[in-house]
Amino acid sequence: MKRERAEKIAAVNKQQQKKIERELMMEEQRIEALFQFQMHSMIQNIEKTALLSEHVNLLAAEMNSEAADQKMRDFETQVNLTKQKKHQPSPEKAEKRDFEMIITSDEEDDEKEKEKKKEKNEK
């Protein structure tokens, strides 16, 4: 009787521990998502500040407004290109991904050939 009760208590404790672990994991994920959002917002604010600062500097240098606007567009284009480069996978990652795709397609081809052979043998 006491043993059964102890086993039930142990089972309940394990369930409670698993529940607590799940809640902690969910909280960590929420914190990570919030952190990433805040970092993204900060980066965007820094980029906007840099663009505005560059524009003010161009205007303060008494450059005519058309030339200042053109330089701003050039600067914005440069920022956008930098973002694109940042989002492109590195050559090593791209090579690995391509290699994995080739292996996967070869494996799929092998499976198709095996299926065709089975169908021919069954006939």
N, C-alpha and C. Protein backbone atom coordinates (compact mmCIF):
# COMPACT_ATOMS: atom_id res chain seq x y z
N MET A 1 0.81 -1.19 0.00
CA MET A 1 0.00 0.00 0.00
C MET A 1 0.86 1.26 0.00
N LYS A 2 1.84 1.30 0.91
CA LYS A 2 2.74 2.45 0.97
C LYS A 2 3.59 2.55 -0.29
N ARG A 3 3.96 1.38 -0.79
CA ARG A 3 4.80 1.35 -2.00
C ARG A 3 4.03 1.91 -3.19
N GLU A 4 2.77 1.51 -3.34
CA GLU A 4 1.95 2.01 -4.44
C GLU A 4 1.77 3.52 -4.34
N ARG A 5 1.56 3.97 -3.12
CA ARG A 5 1.39 5.41 -2.90
C ARG A 5 2.68 6.16 -3.26
N ALA A 6 3.82 5.60 -2.88
CA ALA A 6 5.11 6.22 -3.19
C ALA A 6 5.33 6.26 -4.70
N GLU A 7 4.94 5.18 -5.40
CA GLU A 7 5.08 5.14 -6.86
C GLU A 7 4.18 6.19 -7.53
N LYS A 8 2.95 6.34 -7.01
CA LYS A 8 2.04 7.35 -7.56
C LYS A 8 2.60 8.75 -7.35
N ILE A 9 3.14 8.98 -6.16
CA ILE A 9 3.73 10.28 -5.86
C ILE A 9 4.91 10.55 -6.79
N ALA A 10 5.74 9.52 -7.00
CA ALA A 10 6.89 9.68 -7.89
C ALA A 10 6.43 9.98 -9.32
N ALA A 11 5.37 9.30 -9.78
CA ALA A 11 4.85 9.53 -11.13
C ALA A 11 4.32 10.96 -11.26
N VAL A 12 3.60 11.41 -10.23
CA VAL A 12 3.07 12.78 -10.24
C VAL A 12 4.21 13.79 -10.26
N ASN A 13 5.25 13.53 -9.47
CA ASN A 13 6.40 14.43 -9.43
C ASN A 13 7.08 14.51 -10.79
N LYS A 14 7.21 13.37 -11.47
CA LYS A 14 7.82 13.37 -12.81
C LYS A 14 6.98 14.18 -13.79
N GLN A 15 5.65 14.02 -13.70
CA GLN A 15 4.77 14.77 -14.59
C GLN A 15 4.89 16.27 -14.33
N GLN A 16 4.93 16.63 -13.05
CA GLN A 16 5.07 18.04 -12.70
C GLN A 16 6.41 18.59 -13.18
N GLN A 17 7.46 17.78 -13.05
CA GLN A 17 8.78 18.21 -13.49
C GLN A 17 8.80 18.41 -15.00
N LYS A 18 8.18 17.49 -15.75
CA LYS A 18 8.12 17.64 -17.21
C LYS A 18 7.33 18.88 -17.59
N LYS A 19 6.24 19.15 -16.87
CA LYS A 19 5.43 20.33 -17.15
C LYS A 19 6.25 21.60 -16.91
N ILE A 20 6.98 21.63 -15.82
CA ILE A 20 7.82 22.78 -15.51
C ILE A 20 8.90 22.97 -16.58
N GLU A 21 9.51 21.86 -17.02
CA GLU A 21 10.54 21.94 -18.06
C GLU A 21 9.97 22.48 -19.37
N ARG A 22 8.75 22.04 -19.73
CA ARG A 22 8.11 22.54 -20.95
C ARG A 22 7.83 24.04 -20.84
N GLU A 23 7.34 24.46 -19.67
CA GLU A 23 7.06 25.88 -19.46
C GLU A 23 8.34 26.71 -19.54
N LEU A 24 9.42 26.19 -18.97
CA LEU A 24 10.70 26.90 -19.04
C LEU A 24 11.19 27.01 -20.48
N MET A 25 11.04 25.93 -21.23
CA MET A 25 11.47 25.93 -22.63
C MET A 25 10.64 26.94 -23.44
N MET A 26 9.34 26.98 -23.19
CA MET A 26 8.48 27.93 -23.89
C MET A 26 8.86 29.37 -23.53
N GLU A 27 9.17 29.60 -22.26
CA GLU A 27 9.58 30.93 -21.82
C GLU A 27 10.89 31.33 -22.49
N GLU A 28 11.83 30.40 -22.58
CA GLU A 28 13.10 30.68 -23.26
C GLU A 28 12.87 31.03 -24.72
N GLN A 29 11.97 30.31 -25.38
CA GLN A 29 11.67 30.59 -26.78
C GLN A 29 11.04 31.97 -26.95
N ARG A 30 10.14 32.34 -26.02
CA ARG A 30 9.53 33.67 -26.08
C ARG A 30 10.59 34.76 -25.89
N ILE A 31 11.48 34.54 -24.94
CA ILE A 31 12.54 35.52 -24.69
C ILE A 31 13.45 35.65 -25.91
N GLU A 32 13.80 34.52 -26.52
CA GLU A 32 14.65 34.53 -27.72
C GLU A 32 13.97 35.28 -28.86
N ALA A 33 12.67 35.04 -29.07
CA ALA A 33 11.94 35.73 -30.13
C ALA A 33 11.89 37.23 -29.87
N LEU A 34 11.66 37.61 -28.62
CA LEU A 34 11.63 39.03 -28.26
C LEU A 34 13.00 39.67 -28.49
N PHE A 35 14.05 38.96 -28.10
CA PHE A 35 15.41 39.46 -28.29
C PHE A 35 15.70 39.68 -29.77
N GLN A 36 15.35 38.70 -30.61
CA GLN A 36 15.60 38.83 -32.04
C GLN A 36 14.81 40.00 -32.63
N PHE A 37 13.57 40.17 -32.19
CA PHE A 37 12.76 41.28 -32.68
C PHE A 37 13.39 42.61 -32.29
N GLN A 38 13.83 42.71 -31.04
CA GLN A 38 14.45 43.95 -30.58
C GLN A 38 15.75 44.24 -31.32
N MET A 39 16.55 43.21 -31.56
CA MET A 39 17.80 43.39 -32.30
C MET A 39 17.50 43.87 -33.73
N HIS A 40 16.51 43.27 -34.36
CA HIS A 40 16.12 43.67 -35.71
C HIS A 40 15.68 45.13 -35.73
N SER A 41 14.87 45.51 -34.74
CA SER A 41 14.40 46.90 -34.65
C SER A 41 15.56 47.86 -34.44
N MET A 42 16.50 47.48 -33.58
CA MET A 42 17.65 48.34 -33.33
C MET A 42 18.49 48.52 -34.59
N ILE A 43 18.69 47.44 -35.33
CA ILE A 43 19.47 47.51 -36.56
C ILE A 43 18.78 48.43 -37.57
N GLN A 44 17.46 48.29 -37.69
CA GLN A 44 16.72 49.16 -38.61
C GLN A 44 16.84 50.62 -38.19
N ASN A 45 16.75 50.88 -36.89
CA ASN A 45 16.87 52.26 -36.41
C ASN A 45 18.26 52.82 -36.70
N ILE A 46 19.28 52.00 -36.53
CA ILE A 46 20.65 52.44 -36.81
C ILE A 46 20.81 52.77 -38.29
N GLU A 47 20.23 51.90 -39.15
CA GLU A 47 20.32 52.15 -40.59
C GLU A 47 19.61 53.45 -40.96
N LYS A 48 18.43 53.67 -40.39
CA LYS A 48 17.69 54.91 -40.69
C LYS A 48 18.48 56.13 -40.20
N THR A 49 19.06 56.01 -39.02
CA THR A 49 19.85 57.12 -38.48
C THR A 49 21.05 57.42 -39.37
N ALA A 50 21.69 56.36 -39.87
CA ALA A 50 22.85 56.56 -40.75
C ALA A 50 22.43 57.25 -42.04
N LEU A 51 21.29 56.84 -42.59
CA LEU A 51 20.81 57.48 -43.82
C LEU A 51 20.49 58.96 -43.59
N LEU A 52 19.80 59.24 -42.49
CA LEU A 52 19.47 60.64 -42.20
C LEU A 52 20.72 61.46 -41.94
N SER A 53 21.66 60.89 -41.22
CA SER A 53 22.91 61.59 -40.93
C SER A 53 23.67 61.90 -42.21
N GLU A 54 23.72 60.92 -43.10
CA GLU A 54 24.40 61.12 -44.38
C GLU A 54 23.72 62.24 -45.17
N HIS A 55 22.40 62.24 -45.17
CA HIS A 55 21.66 63.28 -45.89
C HIS A 55 21.94 64.66 -45.30
N VAL A 56 21.91 64.75 -43.98
CA VAL A 56 22.19 66.03 -43.32
C VAL A 56 23.60 66.49 -43.64
N ASN A 57 24.56 65.57 -43.61
CA ASN A 57 25.95 65.92 -43.92
C ASN A 57 26.07 66.46 -45.35
N LEU A 58 25.36 65.83 -46.27
CA LEU A 58 25.41 66.30 -47.66
C LEU A 58 24.81 67.69 -47.79
N LEU A 59 23.69 67.90 -47.12
CA LEU A 59 23.06 69.22 -47.18
C LEU A 59 23.90 70.28 -46.47
N ALA A 60 24.53 69.89 -45.36
CA ALA A 60 25.37 70.83 -44.61
C ALA A 60 26.60 71.21 -45.41
N ALA A 61 27.03 70.34 -46.30
CA ALA A 61 28.20 70.63 -47.13
C ALA A 61 27.82 71.58 -48.27
N GLU A 62 26.60 72.09 -48.19
CA GLU A 62 26.07 73.05 -49.16
C GLU A 62 26.07 72.50 -50.58
N MET A 63 25.78 71.23 -50.66
CA MET A 63 25.63 70.60 -51.96
C MET A 63 24.23 70.91 -52.46
N ASN A 64 24.04 71.07 -53.75
CA ASN A 64 22.69 71.35 -54.22
C ASN A 64 21.80 70.14 -53.93
N SER A 65 20.52 70.39 -53.78
CA SER A 65 19.61 69.35 -53.30
C SER A 65 19.53 68.15 -54.25
N GLU A 66 19.62 68.38 -55.56
CA GLU A 66 19.56 67.26 -56.50
C GLU A 66 20.77 66.35 -56.34
N ALA A 67 21.94 66.92 -56.20
CA ALA A 67 23.15 66.12 -56.01
C ALA A 67 23.09 65.39 -54.67
N ALA A 68 22.58 66.07 -53.65
CA ALA A 68 22.45 65.44 -52.33
C ALA A 68 21.49 64.26 -52.40
N ASP A 69 20.37 64.46 -53.11
CA ASP A 69 19.40 63.37 -53.25
C ASP A 69 20.01 62.19 -54.00
N GLN A 70 20.78 62.47 -55.05
CA GLN A 70 21.43 61.40 -55.81
C GLN A 70 22.42 60.64 -54.94
N LYS A 71 23.21 61.37 -54.16
CA LYS A 71 24.16 60.71 -53.27
C LYS A 71 23.43 59.88 -52.23
N MET A 72 22.27 60.37 -51.76
CA MET A 72 21.48 59.60 -50.79
C MET A 72 20.98 58.31 -51.42
N ARG A 73 20.51 58.39 -52.65
CA ARG A 73 20.04 57.18 -53.34
C ARG A 73 21.19 56.20 -53.51
N ASP A 74 22.36 56.70 -53.85
CA ASP A 74 23.53 55.84 -53.98
C ASP A 74 23.87 55.17 -52.64
N PHE A 75 23.81 55.96 -51.57
CA PHE A 75 24.11 55.43 -50.24
C PHE A 75 23.08 54.37 -49.85
N GLU A 76 21.78 54.63 -50.12
CA GLU A 76 20.73 53.66 -49.82
C GLU A 76 20.94 52.38 -50.62
N THR A 77 21.31 52.52 -51.87
CA THR A 77 21.57 51.35 -52.71
C THR A 77 22.71 50.52 -52.12
N GLN A 78 23.73 51.21 -51.66
CA GLN A 78 24.87 50.52 -51.05
C GLN A 78 24.43 49.76 -49.80
N VAL A 79 23.58 50.36 -48.98
CA VAL A 79 23.07 49.70 -47.78
C VAL A 79 22.25 48.47 -48.17
N ASN A 80 21.40 48.61 -49.19
CA ASN A 80 20.57 47.48 -49.63
C ASN A 80 21.43 46.34 -50.17
N LEU A 81 22.47 46.67 -50.92
CA LEU A 81 23.36 45.63 -51.43
C LEU A 81 24.06 44.90 -50.29
N THR A 82 24.45 45.65 -49.27
CA THR A 82 25.09 45.03 -48.11
C THR A 82 24.13 44.07 -47.43
N LYS A 83 22.85 44.46 -47.32
CA LYS A 83 21.85 43.58 -46.72
C LYS A 83 21.71 42.30 -47.53
N GLN A 84 21.66 42.44 -48.85
CA GLN A 84 21.50 41.27 -49.71
C GLN A 84 22.68 40.33 -49.56
N LYS A 85 23.89 40.88 -49.50
CA LYS A 85 25.07 40.03 -49.32
C LYS A 85 25.01 39.31 -47.99
N LYS A 86 24.48 39.98 -46.97
CA LYS A 86 24.40 39.38 -45.65
C LYS A 86 23.45 38.19 -45.66
N HIS A 87 22.38 38.27 -46.47
CA HIS A 87 21.38 37.21 -46.50
C HIS A 87 21.74 36.07 -47.44
N GLN A 88 22.73 36.27 -48.30
CA GLN A 88 23.14 35.19 -49.19
C GLN A 88 23.98 34.19 -48.41
N PRO A 89 23.78 32.89 -48.69
CA PRO A 89 24.59 31.90 -47.97
C PRO A 89 26.05 31.98 -48.41
N SER A 90 26.92 31.60 -47.52
CA SER A 90 28.34 31.60 -47.84
C SER A 90 28.59 30.55 -48.92
N PRO A 91 29.67 30.68 -49.68
CA PRO A 91 29.95 29.70 -50.73
C PRO A 91 30.04 28.27 -50.19
N GLU A 92 30.59 28.13 -48.97
CA GLU A 92 30.71 26.79 -48.40
C GLU A 92 29.33 26.20 -48.12
N LYS A 93 28.42 27.03 -47.58
CA LYS A 93 27.08 26.55 -47.28
C LYS A 93 26.33 26.23 -48.57
N ALA A 94 26.49 27.08 -49.57
CA ALA A 94 25.82 26.85 -50.85
C ALA A 94 26.34 25.57 -51.50
N GLU A 95 27.65 25.38 -51.42
CA GLU A 95 28.26 24.17 -51.98
C GLU A 95 27.74 22.93 -51.26
N LYS A 96 27.67 22.99 -49.95
CA LYS A 96 27.18 21.86 -49.16
C LYS A 96 25.72 21.58 -49.51
N ARG A 97 24.90 22.65 -49.63
CA ARG A 97 23.49 22.48 -49.96
C ARG A 97 23.36 21.84 -51.35
N ASP A 98 24.14 22.33 -52.32
CA ASP A 98 24.09 21.77 -53.67
C ASP A 98 24.50 20.31 -53.66
N PHE A 99 25.55 19.99 -52.90
CA PHE A 99 26.03 18.62 -52.81
C PHE A 99 24.95 17.72 -52.22
N GLU A 100 24.27 18.20 -51.17
CA GLU A 100 23.20 17.42 -50.55
C GLU A 100 22.05 17.22 -51.53
N MET A 101 21.74 18.25 -52.34
CA MET A 101 20.67 18.12 -53.32
C MET A 101 21.03 17.07 -54.37
N ILE A 102 22.28 17.04 -54.79
CA ILE A 102 22.72 16.07 -55.79
C ILE A 102 22.60 14.66 -55.22
N ILE A 103 23.07 14.48 -53.99
CA ILE A 103 23.00 13.16 -53.36
C ILE A 103 21.54 12.74 -53.23
N THR A 104 20.69 13.65 -52.79
CA THR A 104 19.27 13.33 -52.62
C THR A 104 18.65 12.94 -53.95
N SER A 105 18.95 13.69 -55.01
CA SER A 105 18.37 13.37 -56.31
C SER A 105 18.91 12.03 -56.82
N ASP A 106 20.19 11.74 -56.56
CA ASP A 106 20.75 10.44 -56.95
C ASP A 106 20.05 9.31 -56.21
N GLU A 107 19.80 9.50 -54.92
CA GLU A 107 19.11 8.48 -54.13
C GLU A 107 17.69 8.28 -54.64
N GLU A 108 17.01 9.37 -55.00
CA GLU A 108 15.66 9.26 -55.54
C GLU A 108 15.67 8.51 -56.86
N ASP A 109 16.66 8.80 -57.71
CA ASP A 109 16.78 8.11 -58.99
C ASP A 109 17.01 6.62 -58.77
N ASP A 110 17.87 6.28 -57.81
CA ASP A 110 18.13 4.88 -57.49
C ASP A 110 16.86 4.17 -57.03
N GLU A 111 16.07 4.84 -56.21
CA GLU A 111 14.82 4.26 -55.73
C GLU A 111 13.86 4.03 -56.88
N LYS A 112 13.78 4.98 -57.80
CA LYS A 112 12.89 4.84 -58.95
C LYS A 112 13.32 3.66 -59.82
N GLU A 113 14.63 3.52 -60.02
CA GLU A 113 15.14 2.40 -60.81
C GLU A 113 14.81 1.07 -60.14
N LYS A 114 14.96 0.99 -58.82
CA LYS A 114 14.63 -0.23 -58.09
C LYS A 114 13.15 -0.57 -58.23
N GLU A 115 12.29 0.45 -58.15
CA GLU A 115 10.86 0.23 -58.30
C GLU A 115 10.54 -0.29 -59.70
N LYS A 116 11.18 0.27 -60.72
CA LYS A 116 10.95 -0.18 -62.09
C LYS A 116 11.39 -1.63 -62.26
N LYS A 117 12.55 -1.98 -61.67
CA LYS A 117 13.03 -3.36 -61.76
C LYS A 117 12.07 -4.31 -61.08
N LYS A 118 11.52 -3.91 -59.92
CA LYS A 118 10.56 -4.75 -59.21
C LYS A 118 9.32 -4.97 -60.05
N GLU A 119 8.84 -3.90 -60.69
CA GLU A 119 7.66 -4.00 -61.54
C GLU A 119 7.91 -4.95 -62.71
N LYS A 120 9.10 -4.87 -63.31
CA LYS A 120 9.43 -5.75 -64.43
C LYS A 120 9.52 -7.20 -63.96
N ASN A 121 10.12 -7.42 -62.79
CA ASN A 121 10.25 -8.77 -62.25
C ASN A 121 8.90 -9.36 -61.88
N GLU A 122 7.97 -8.54 -61.43
CA GLU A 122 6.64 -9.02 -61.06
C GLU A 122 5.84 -9.43 -62.28
N LYS A 123 6.11 -8.83 -63.42
CA LYS A 123 5.38 -9.15 -64.66
C LYS A 123 5.92 -10.41 -65.20
